[in-house]
Amino acid sequence: MTEQKHLADRDDKFTFYMDLLGHDILNNNQAVLGYLELVLAAPGTDKTTKKFAEKAVSHVRTSTILIENIRRLLVTRSADPHSFRPLALQSSFSLSERDLVKFFPNKKLKVRVPPEAERAFVIGNSAAKDLIMNSMVNLVKLDPNDEVNLSIELKEVQLKGNMCWRISLTDPNAELPSALRGRDVESIYLQDSSTAVKLSGVLFAKMIAQKLGGDFEAQEIQGKGQKKGASFIITLRKASGP
């Protein structure tokens, strides 16, 4: 057996076992969510119990996203780049905004989508959709406030000779971790594994965006008053239509 064949077989086995593991964990998470929803729906549940149950729901959903990220990365890294199909950004933003409520039931969320999103399409199908959703969730997690306002900006740019959409997700109250300030996302993985574990969602976004022929970066911005906010910037190849 050649070395290349050996490595390919090892990767196939790893992907298979990770898929089985992910499937089992997702099933367990779904069962836990079912029980928590019963607690929340019970007429005798007091406010304190409901508050803790809602927080538990949020954590379980976050765990589900992490598992889905791993499965998505395993599939995307071995996919043929020519197999990626167009994704409508308008529908992706709408779905992400709707799903955010499930992850943060105690927060009042508002997402401002620019009008040009109606004519914007990117290459990446479900992988790009998951990337956008993942980035929104991680940005909201960095905002300590109960009321969160996200704004989205779109700009046409060139990257590696390809026309792209530059998607800027901005929260003026998000607190960017010090490890990300003024540093490339990928450098965290290379230099500090303990910090990388805490920022796994951001690292996932970087890897998926690059696999799709684009890029991802996190930036600190001027927020309200003396505070600093944060932006997650996703660059994806532009598609002419669906």
C-alpha atoms as a PDB file:
ATOM      1  CA  MET A   1       0.000   0.000   0.000  1.00  0.00           C
ATOM      2  CA  THR A   2       1.405   3.381  -0.968  1.00  0.00           C
ATOM      3  CA  GLU A   3       1.803   6.141   1.598  1.00  0.00           C
ATOM      4  CA  GLN A   4      -0.791   8.236  -0.212  1.00  0.00           C
ATOM      5  CA  LYS A   5      -3.303   5.364  -0.182  1.00  0.00           C
ATOM      6  CA  HIS A   6      -2.608   4.729   3.507  1.00  0.00           C
ATOM      7  CA  LEU A   7      -3.278   8.386   4.369  1.00  0.00           C
ATOM      8  CA  ALA A   8      -6.478   8.393   2.297  1.00  0.00           C
ATOM      9  CA  ASP A   9      -7.761   5.263   4.054  1.00  0.00           C
ATOM     10  CA  ARG A  10      -6.915   6.742   7.446  1.00  0.00           C
ATOM     11  CA  ASP A  11      -8.799   9.934   6.603  1.00  0.00           C
ATOM     12  CA  ASP A  12     -11.805   7.919   5.432  1.00  0.00           C
ATOM     13  CA  LYS A  13     -11.889   5.957   8.713  1.00  0.00           C
ATOM     14  CA  PHE A  14     -11.501   9.132  10.761  1.00  0.00           C
ATOM     15  CA  THR A  15     -14.357  10.789   8.877  1.00  0.00           C
ATOM     16  CA  PHE A  16     -16.536   7.687   9.347  1.00  0.00           C
ATOM     17  CA  TYR A  17     -15.929   7.475  13.113  1.00  0.00           C
ATOM     18  CA  MET A  18     -16.428  11.220  13.582  1.00  0.00           C
ATOM     19  CA  ASP A  19     -19.699  11.004  11.664  1.00  0.00           C
ATOM     20  CA  LEU A  20     -20.901   8.172  13.928  1.00  0.00           C
ATOM     21  CA  LEU A  21     -19.832  10.056  17.051  1.00  0.00           C
ATOM     22  CA  GLY A  22     -21.475  13.244  15.851  1.00  0.00           C
ATOM     23  CA  HIS A  23     -24.679  11.385  15.052  1.00  0.00           C
ATOM     24  CA  ASP A  24     -24.847   9.904  18.562  1.00  0.00           C
ATOM     25  CA  ILE A  25     -24.137  13.223  20.272  1.00  0.00           C
ATOM     26  CA  LEU A  26     -26.734  15.027  18.156  1.00  0.00           C
ATOM     27  CA  ASN A  27     -29.325  12.396  19.066  1.00  0.00           C
ATOM     28  CA  ASN A  28     -28.499  12.811  22.774  1.00  0.00           C
ATOM     29  CA  ASN A  29     -28.697  16.593  22.454  1.00  0.00           C
ATOM     30  CA  GLN A  30     -32.097  16.296  20.800  1.00  0.00           C
ATOM     31  CA  ALA A  31     -33.354  14.134  23.660  1.00  0.00           C
ATOM     32  CA  VAL A  32     -32.111  16.659  26.246  1.00  0.00           C
ATOM     33  CA  LEU A  33     -33.793  19.490  24.330  1.00  0.00           C
ATOM     34  CA  GLY A  34     -37.028  17.519  24.345  1.00  0.00           C
ATOM     35  CA  TYR A  35     -36.984  17.166  28.138  1.00  0.00           C
ATOM     36  CA  LEU A  36     -36.069  20.833  28.613  1.00  0.00           C
ATOM     37  CA  GLU A  37     -38.933  21.911  26.375  1.00  0.00           C
ATOM     38  CA  LEU A  38     -41.294  19.827  28.532  1.00  0.00           C
ATOM     39  CA  VAL A  39     -39.990  21.684  31.614  1.00  0.00           C
ATOM     40  CA  LEU A  40     -40.519  25.045  29.914  1.00  0.00           C
ATOM     41  CA  ALA A  41     -44.022  24.102  28.777  1.00  0.00           C
ATOM     42  CA  ALA A  42     -45.160  22.739  32.163  1.00  0.00           C
ATOM     43  CA  PRO A  43     -47.773  25.110  33.695  1.00  0.00           C
ATOM     44  CA  GLY A  44     -46.318  24.765  37.206  1.00  0.00           C
ATOM     45  CA  THR A  45     -42.753  25.738  36.286  1.00  0.00           C
ATOM     46  CA  ASP A  46     -41.655  28.833  38.203  1.00  0.00           C
ATOM     47  CA  LYS A  47     -39.731  31.742  36.647  1.00  0.00           C
ATOM     48  CA  THR A  48     -36.375  30.771  38.156  1.00  0.00           C
ATOM     49  CA  THR A  49     -36.593  27.209  36.855  1.00  0.00           C
ATOM     50  CA  LYS A  50     -37.606  28.493  33.404  1.00  0.00           C
ATOM     51  CA  LYS A  51     -34.649  30.868  33.374  1.00  0.00           C
ATOM     52  CA  PHE A  52     -32.176  28.055  34.101  1.00  0.00           C
ATOM     53  CA  ALA A  53     -33.906  25.756  31.607  1.00  0.00           C
ATOM     54  CA  GLU A  54     -33.621  28.421  28.886  1.00  0.00           C
ATOM     55  CA  LYS A  55     -29.911  28.792  29.603  1.00  0.00           C
ATOM     56  CA  ALA A  56     -29.506  25.019  29.383  1.00  0.00           C
ATOM     57  CA  VAL A  57     -31.296  25.017  26.025  1.00  0.00           C
ATOM     58  CA  SER A  58     -28.886  27.661  24.749  1.00  0.00           C
ATOM     59  CA  HIS A  59     -25.854  25.608  25.829  1.00  0.00           C
ATOM     60  CA  VAL A  60     -27.199  22.413  24.263  1.00  0.00           C
ATOM     61  CA  ARG A  61     -27.853  24.236  20.982  1.00  0.00           C
ATOM     62  CA  THR A  62     -24.314  25.640  21.077  1.00  0.00           C
ATOM     63  CA  SER A  63     -22.979  22.111  21.593  1.00  0.00           C
ATOM     64  CA  THR A  64     -25.003  21.007  18.569  1.00  0.00           C
ATOM     65  CA  ILE A  65     -23.444  23.759  16.456  1.00  0.00           C
ATOM     66  CA  LEU A  66     -19.933  22.629  17.440  1.00  0.00           C
ATOM     67  CA  ILE A  67     -20.669  19.052  16.360  1.00  0.00           C
ATOM     68  CA  GLU A  68     -22.270  20.223  13.130  1.00  0.00           C
ATOM     69  CA  ASN A  69     -19.201  22.401  12.486  1.00  0.00           C
ATOM     70  CA  ILE A  70     -16.901  19.381  12.738  1.00  0.00           C
ATOM     71  CA  ARG A  71     -19.084  17.317  10.432  1.00  0.00           C
ATOM     72  CA  ARG A  72     -19.358  20.186   7.960  1.00  0.00           C
ATOM     73  CA  LEU A  73     -15.599  20.708   7.956  1.00  0.00           C
ATOM     74  CA  LEU A  74     -14.932  17.014   7.323  1.00  0.00           C
ATOM     75  CA  VAL A  75     -17.304  17.000   4.354  1.00  0.00           C
ATOM     76  CA  THR A  76     -16.205  20.345   2.909  1.00  0.00           C
ATOM     77  CA  ARG A  77     -12.475  19.713   3.067  1.00  0.00           C
ATOM     78  CA  SER A  78     -12.796  16.676   0.773  1.00  0.00           C
ATOM     79  CA  ALA A  79     -15.394  18.193  -1.581  1.00  0.00           C
ATOM     80  CA  ASP A  80     -14.665  19.118  -5.176  1.00  0.00           C
ATOM     81  CA  PRO A  81     -14.595  22.961  -5.364  1.00  0.00           C
ATOM     82  CA  HIS A  82     -16.640  22.747  -8.575  1.00  0.00           C
ATOM     83  CA  SER A  83     -19.458  21.014  -6.672  1.00  0.00           C
ATOM     84  CA  PHE A  84     -20.336  24.107  -4.622  1.00  0.00           C
ATOM     85  CA  ARG A  85     -23.611  25.710  -5.708  1.00  0.00           C
ATOM     86  CA  PRO A  86     -24.895  29.306  -5.373  1.00  0.00           C
ATOM     87  CA  LEU A  87     -26.498  30.514  -2.140  1.00  0.00           C
ATOM     88  CA  ALA A  88     -28.931  33.442  -1.902  1.00  0.00           C
ATOM     89  CA  LEU A  89     -27.669  35.745   0.846  1.00  0.00           C
ATOM     90  CA  GLN A  90     -31.082  37.281   1.539  1.00  0.00           C
ATOM     91  CA  SER A  91     -32.642  33.935   2.500  1.00  0.00           C
ATOM     92  CA  SER A  92     -29.515  32.925   4.424  1.00  0.00           C
ATOM     93  CA  PHE A  93     -29.631  36.104   6.517  1.00  0.00           C
ATOM     94  CA  SER A  94     -33.355  35.639   7.192  1.00  0.00           C
ATOM     95  CA  LEU A  95     -32.936  32.015   8.304  1.00  0.00           C
ATOM     96  CA  SER A  96     -29.979  32.923  10.516  1.00  0.00           C
ATOM     97  CA  GLU A  97     -31.890  35.751  12.196  1.00  0.00           C
ATOM     98  CA  ARG A  98     -34.804  33.396  12.897  1.00  0.00           C
ATOM     99  CA  ASP A  99     -32.544  30.695  14.328  1.00  0.00           C
ATOM    100  CA  LEU A 100     -30.619  33.142  16.530  1.00  0.00           C
ATOM    101  CA  VAL A 101     -33.698  33.466  18.723  1.00  0.00           C
ATOM    102  CA  LYS A 102     -33.487  29.750  19.540  1.00  0.00           C
ATOM    103  CA  PHE A 103     -29.893  30.084  20.731  1.00  0.00           C
ATOM    104  CA  PHE A 104     -30.455  33.252  22.762  1.00  0.00           C
ATOM    105  CA  PRO A 105     -34.018  33.137  24.142  1.00  0.00           C
ATOM    106  CA  ASN A 106     -33.200  35.732  26.817  1.00  0.00           C
ATOM    107  CA  LYS A 107     -31.860  38.322  24.382  1.00  0.00           C
ATOM    108  CA  LYS A 108     -33.759  40.822  22.269  1.00  0.00           C
ATOM    109  CA  LEU A 109     -32.189  40.482  18.830  1.00  0.00           C
ATOM    110  CA  LYS A 110     -32.350  42.699  15.776  1.00  0.00           C
ATOM    111  CA  VAL A 111     -30.478  42.154  12.495  1.00  0.00           C
ATOM    112  CA  ARG A 112     -30.287  44.931   9.895  1.00  0.00           C
ATOM    113  CA  VAL A 113     -29.971  43.487   6.388  1.00  0.00           C
ATOM    114  CA  PRO A 114     -28.952  45.783   3.493  1.00  0.00           C
ATOM    115  CA  PRO A 115     -31.286  46.009   0.440  1.00  0.00           C
ATOM    116  CA  GLU A 116     -28.570  44.770  -1.946  1.00  0.00           C
ATOM    117  CA  ALA A 117     -28.791  41.350  -0.274  1.00  0.00           C
ATOM    118  CA  GLU A 118     -31.797  40.608  -2.493  1.00  0.00           C
ATOM    119  CA  ARG A 119     -29.536  40.380  -5.556  1.00  0.00           C
ATOM    120  CA  ALA A 120     -26.484  38.851  -3.856  1.00  0.00           C
ATOM    121  CA  PHE A 121     -25.462  35.223  -4.388  1.00  0.00           C
ATOM    122  CA  VAL A 122     -22.284  33.444  -3.274  1.00  0.00           C
ATOM    123  CA  ILE A 123     -20.676  30.098  -4.054  1.00  0.00           C
ATOM    124  CA  GLY A 124     -20.933  27.626  -1.209  1.00  0.00           C
ATOM    125  CA  ASN A 125     -24.486  26.274  -0.795  1.00  0.00           C
ATOM    126  CA  SER A 126     -25.146  24.781   2.685  1.00  0.00           C
ATOM    127  CA  ALA A 127     -21.517  25.220   3.791  1.00  0.00           C
ATOM    128  CA  ALA A 128     -21.761  28.994   3.225  1.00  0.00           C
ATOM    129  CA  LYS A 129     -25.134  29.065   4.994  1.00  0.00           C
ATOM    130  CA  ASP A 130     -23.663  27.305   8.047  1.00  0.00           C
ATOM    131  CA  LEU A 131     -20.683  29.665   7.964  1.00  0.00           C
ATOM    132  CA  ILE A 132     -22.918  32.738   8.130  1.00  0.00           C
ATOM    133  CA  MET A 133     -25.063  31.249  10.893  1.00  0.00           C
ATOM    134  CA  ASN A 134     -21.999  30.184  12.893  1.00  0.00           C
ATOM    135  CA  SER A 135     -20.482  33.670  12.604  1.00  0.00           C
ATOM    136  CA  MET A 136     -23.671  35.384  13.780  1.00  0.00           C
ATOM    137  CA  VAL A 137     -23.969  33.064  16.794  1.00  0.00           C
ATOM    138  CA  ASN A 138     -20.354  33.647  17.789  1.00  0.00           C
ATOM    139  CA  LEU A 139     -20.687  37.416  17.420  1.00  0.00           C
ATOM    140  CA  VAL A 140     -23.815  37.528  19.608  1.00  0.00           C
ATOM    141  CA  LYS A 141     -21.999  35.431  22.232  1.00  0.00           C
ATOM    142  CA  LEU A 142     -19.448  38.253  22.505  1.00  0.00           C
ATOM    143  CA  ASP A 143     -22.148  40.812  23.353  1.00  0.00           C
ATOM    144  CA  PRO A 144     -22.923  40.865  27.113  1.00  0.00           C
ATOM    145  CA  ASN A 145     -26.088  42.959  26.694  1.00  0.00           C
ATOM    146  CA  ASP A 146     -29.668  41.705  26.721  1.00  0.00           C
ATOM    147  CA  GLU A 147     -30.473  43.805  23.656  1.00  0.00           C
ATOM    148  CA  VAL A 148     -28.309  43.010  20.625  1.00  0.00           C
ATOM    149  CA  ASN A 149     -28.220  44.880  17.323  1.00  0.00           C
ATOM    150  CA  LEU A 150     -26.334  43.326  14.428  1.00  0.00           C
ATOM    151  CA  SER A 151     -25.792  45.145  11.160  1.00  0.00           C
ATOM    152  CA  ILE A 152     -24.760  43.554   7.868  1.00  0.00           C
ATOM    153  CA  GLU A 153     -22.891  45.350   5.109  1.00  0.00           C
ATOM    154  CA  LEU A 154     -22.132  43.990   1.636  1.00  0.00           C
ATOM    155  CA  LYS A 155     -19.363  45.123  -0.677  1.00  0.00           C
ATOM    156  CA  GLU A 156     -18.096  43.725  -3.963  1.00  0.00           C
ATOM    157  CA  VAL A 157     -14.345  43.037  -3.803  1.00  0.00           C
ATOM    158  CA  GLN A 158     -11.696  40.976  -5.583  1.00  0.00           C
ATOM    159  CA  LEU A 159      -9.833  38.119  -3.890  1.00  0.00           C
ATOM    160  CA  LYS A 160      -7.251  35.986  -5.677  1.00  0.00           C
ATOM    161  CA  GLY A 161      -8.576  37.127  -9.027  1.00  0.00           C
ATOM    162  CA  ASN A 162     -12.213  36.257  -8.202  1.00  0.00           C
ATOM    163  CA  MET A 163     -15.097  38.671  -7.737  1.00  0.00           C
ATOM    164  CA  CYS A 164     -16.473  38.233  -4.214  1.00  0.00           C
ATOM    165  CA  TRP A 165     -19.017  39.549  -1.771  1.00  0.00           C
ATOM    166  CA  ARG A 166     -17.451  40.953   1.398  1.00  0.00           C
ATOM    167  CA  ILE A 167     -19.976  40.344   4.194  1.00  0.00           C
ATOM    168  CA  SER A 168     -19.360  42.444   7.304  1.00  0.00           C
ATOM    169  CA  LEU A 169     -21.275  41.388  10.432  1.00  0.00           C
ATOM    170  CA  THR A 170     -20.972  44.134  13.044  1.00  0.00           C
ATOM    171  CA  ASP A 171     -22.026  44.485  16.672  1.00  0.00           C
ATOM    172  CA  PRO A 172     -20.991  47.796  18.317  1.00  0.00           C
ATOM    173  CA  ASN A 173     -21.245  46.219  21.791  1.00  0.00           C
ATOM    174  CA  ALA A 174     -19.470  42.925  21.143  1.00  0.00           C
ATOM    175  CA  GLU A 175     -16.241  42.483  23.108  1.00  0.00           C
ATOM    176  CA  LEU A 176     -13.582  40.903  20.924  1.00  0.00           C
ATOM    177  CA  PRO A 177     -11.285  38.556  22.929  1.00  0.00           C
ATOM    178  CA  SER A 178      -7.798  39.967  23.419  1.00  0.00           C
ATOM    179  CA  ALA A 179      -6.349  36.961  21.564  1.00  0.00           C
ATOM    180  CA  LEU A 180      -8.072  38.160  18.379  1.00  0.00           C
ATOM    181  CA  ARG A 181      -7.149  41.833  18.575  1.00  0.00           C
ATOM    182  CA  GLY A 182      -4.765  42.728  15.812  1.00  0.00           C
ATOM    183  CA  ARG A 183      -4.029  39.068  15.014  1.00  0.00           C
ATOM    184  CA  ASP A 184      -4.946  36.761  12.182  1.00  0.00           C
ATOM    185  CA  VAL A 185      -7.410  34.085  13.280  1.00  0.00           C
ATOM    186  CA  GLU A 186      -5.209  31.260  12.020  1.00  0.00           C
ATOM    187  CA  SER A 187      -2.212  32.391  14.092  1.00  0.00           C
ATOM    188  CA  ILE A 188      -4.114  31.504  17.281  1.00  0.00           C
ATOM    189  CA  TYR A 189      -4.313  27.874  16.243  1.00  0.00           C
ATOM    190  CA  LEU A 190      -0.598  27.808  15.455  1.00  0.00           C
ATOM    191  CA  GLN A 191       0.558  29.485  18.685  1.00  0.00           C
ATOM    192  CA  ASP A 192      -1.912  28.820  21.502  1.00  0.00           C
ATOM    193  CA  SER A 193      -4.044  25.655  21.500  1.00  0.00           C
ATOM    194  CA  SER A 194      -5.727  26.468  24.845  1.00  0.00           C
ATOM    195  CA  THR A 195      -7.040  29.756  23.450  1.00  0.00           C
ATOM    196  CA  ALA A 196      -7.922  28.081  20.167  1.00  0.00           C
ATOM    197  CA  VAL A 197     -10.305  25.706  21.979  1.00  0.00           C
ATOM    198  CA  LYS A 198     -12.272  28.681  23.347  1.00  0.00           C
ATOM    199  CA  LEU A 199     -12.421  30.262  19.880  1.00  0.00           C
ATOM    200  CA  SER A 200     -13.183  27.096  17.935  1.00  0.00           C
ATOM    201  CA  GLY A 201     -16.189  28.661  16.215  1.00  0.00           C
ATOM    202  CA  VAL A 202     -14.032  31.454  14.800  1.00  0.00           C
ATOM    203  CA  LEU A 203     -11.391  28.974  13.649  1.00  0.00           C
ATOM    204  CA  PHE A 204     -14.098  26.914  11.965  1.00  0.00           C
ATOM    205  CA  ALA A 205     -15.269  30.011  10.096  1.00  0.00           C
ATOM    206  CA  LYS A 206     -11.735  30.695   8.864  1.00  0.00           C
ATOM    207  CA  MET A 207     -11.213  27.144   7.600  1.00  0.00           C
ATOM    208  CA  ILE A 208     -14.583  26.856   5.866  1.00  0.00           C
ATOM    209  CA  ALA A 209     -14.296  30.290   4.231  1.00  0.00           C
ATOM    210  CA  GLN A 210     -10.866  29.443   2.832  1.00  0.00           C
ATOM    211  CA  LYS A 211     -12.083  26.060   1.566  1.00  0.00           C
ATOM    212  CA  LEU A 212     -14.842  27.894  -0.303  1.00  0.00           C
ATOM    213  CA  GLY A 213     -12.226  30.086  -1.972  1.00  0.00           C
ATOM    214  CA  GLY A 214     -12.774  33.062   0.319  1.00  0.00           C
ATOM    215  CA  ASP A 215     -11.556  34.276   3.707  1.00  0.00           C
ATOM    216  CA  PHE A 216     -12.614  35.261   7.227  1.00  0.00           C
ATOM    217  CA  GLU A 217     -11.266  37.833   9.672  1.00  0.00           C
ATOM    218  CA  ALA A 218     -12.227  39.354  13.004  1.00  0.00           C
ATOM    219  CA  GLN A 219     -11.732  43.066  13.634  1.00  0.00           C
ATOM    220  CA  GLU A 220     -12.098  45.372  16.588  1.00  0.00           C
ATOM    221  CA  ILE A 221     -14.051  48.528  15.724  1.00  0.00           C
ATOM    222  CA  GLN A 222     -14.997  51.786  17.386  1.00  0.00           C
ATOM    223  CA  GLY A 223     -18.224  51.135  19.257  1.00  0.00           C
ATOM    224  CA  LYS A 224     -20.451  53.481  21.210  1.00  0.00           C
ATOM    225  CA  GLY A 225     -18.587  56.163  23.171  1.00  0.00           C
ATOM    226  CA  GLN A 226     -15.286  54.827  24.458  1.00  0.00           C
ATOM    227  CA  LYS A 227     -16.289  51.209  23.977  1.00  0.00           C
ATOM    228  CA  LYS A 228     -14.944  48.941  21.278  1.00  0.00           C
ATOM    229  CA  GLY A 229     -17.167  46.756  19.164  1.00  0.00           C
ATOM    230  CA  ALA A 230     -16.403  43.892  16.803  1.00  0.00           C
ATOM    231  CA  SER A 231     -16.883  42.835  13.203  1.00  0.00           C
ATOM    232  CA  PHE A 232     -16.664  39.403  11.610  1.00  0.00           C
ATOM    233  CA  ILE A 233     -15.854  39.749   7.926  1.00  0.00           C
ATOM    234  CA  ILE A 234     -16.645  36.889   5.560  1.00  0.00           C
ATOM    235  CA  THR A 235     -15.461  37.028   1.957  1.00  0.00           C
ATOM    236  CA  LEU A 236     -17.047  34.532  -0.428  1.00  0.00           C
ATOM    237  CA  ARG A 237     -16.882  34.093  -4.174  1.00  0.00           C
ATOM    238  CA  LYS A 238     -19.678  35.844  -6.005  1.00  0.00           C
ATOM    239  CA  ALA A 239     -22.262  33.903  -8.019  1.00  0.00           C
ATOM    240  CA  SER A 240     -24.302  35.464 -10.823  1.00  0.00           C
ATOM    241  CA  GLY A 241     -27.567  33.903  -9.670  1.00  0.00           C
ATOM    242  CA  PRO A 242     -29.254  30.764  -8.308  1.00  0.00           C
END
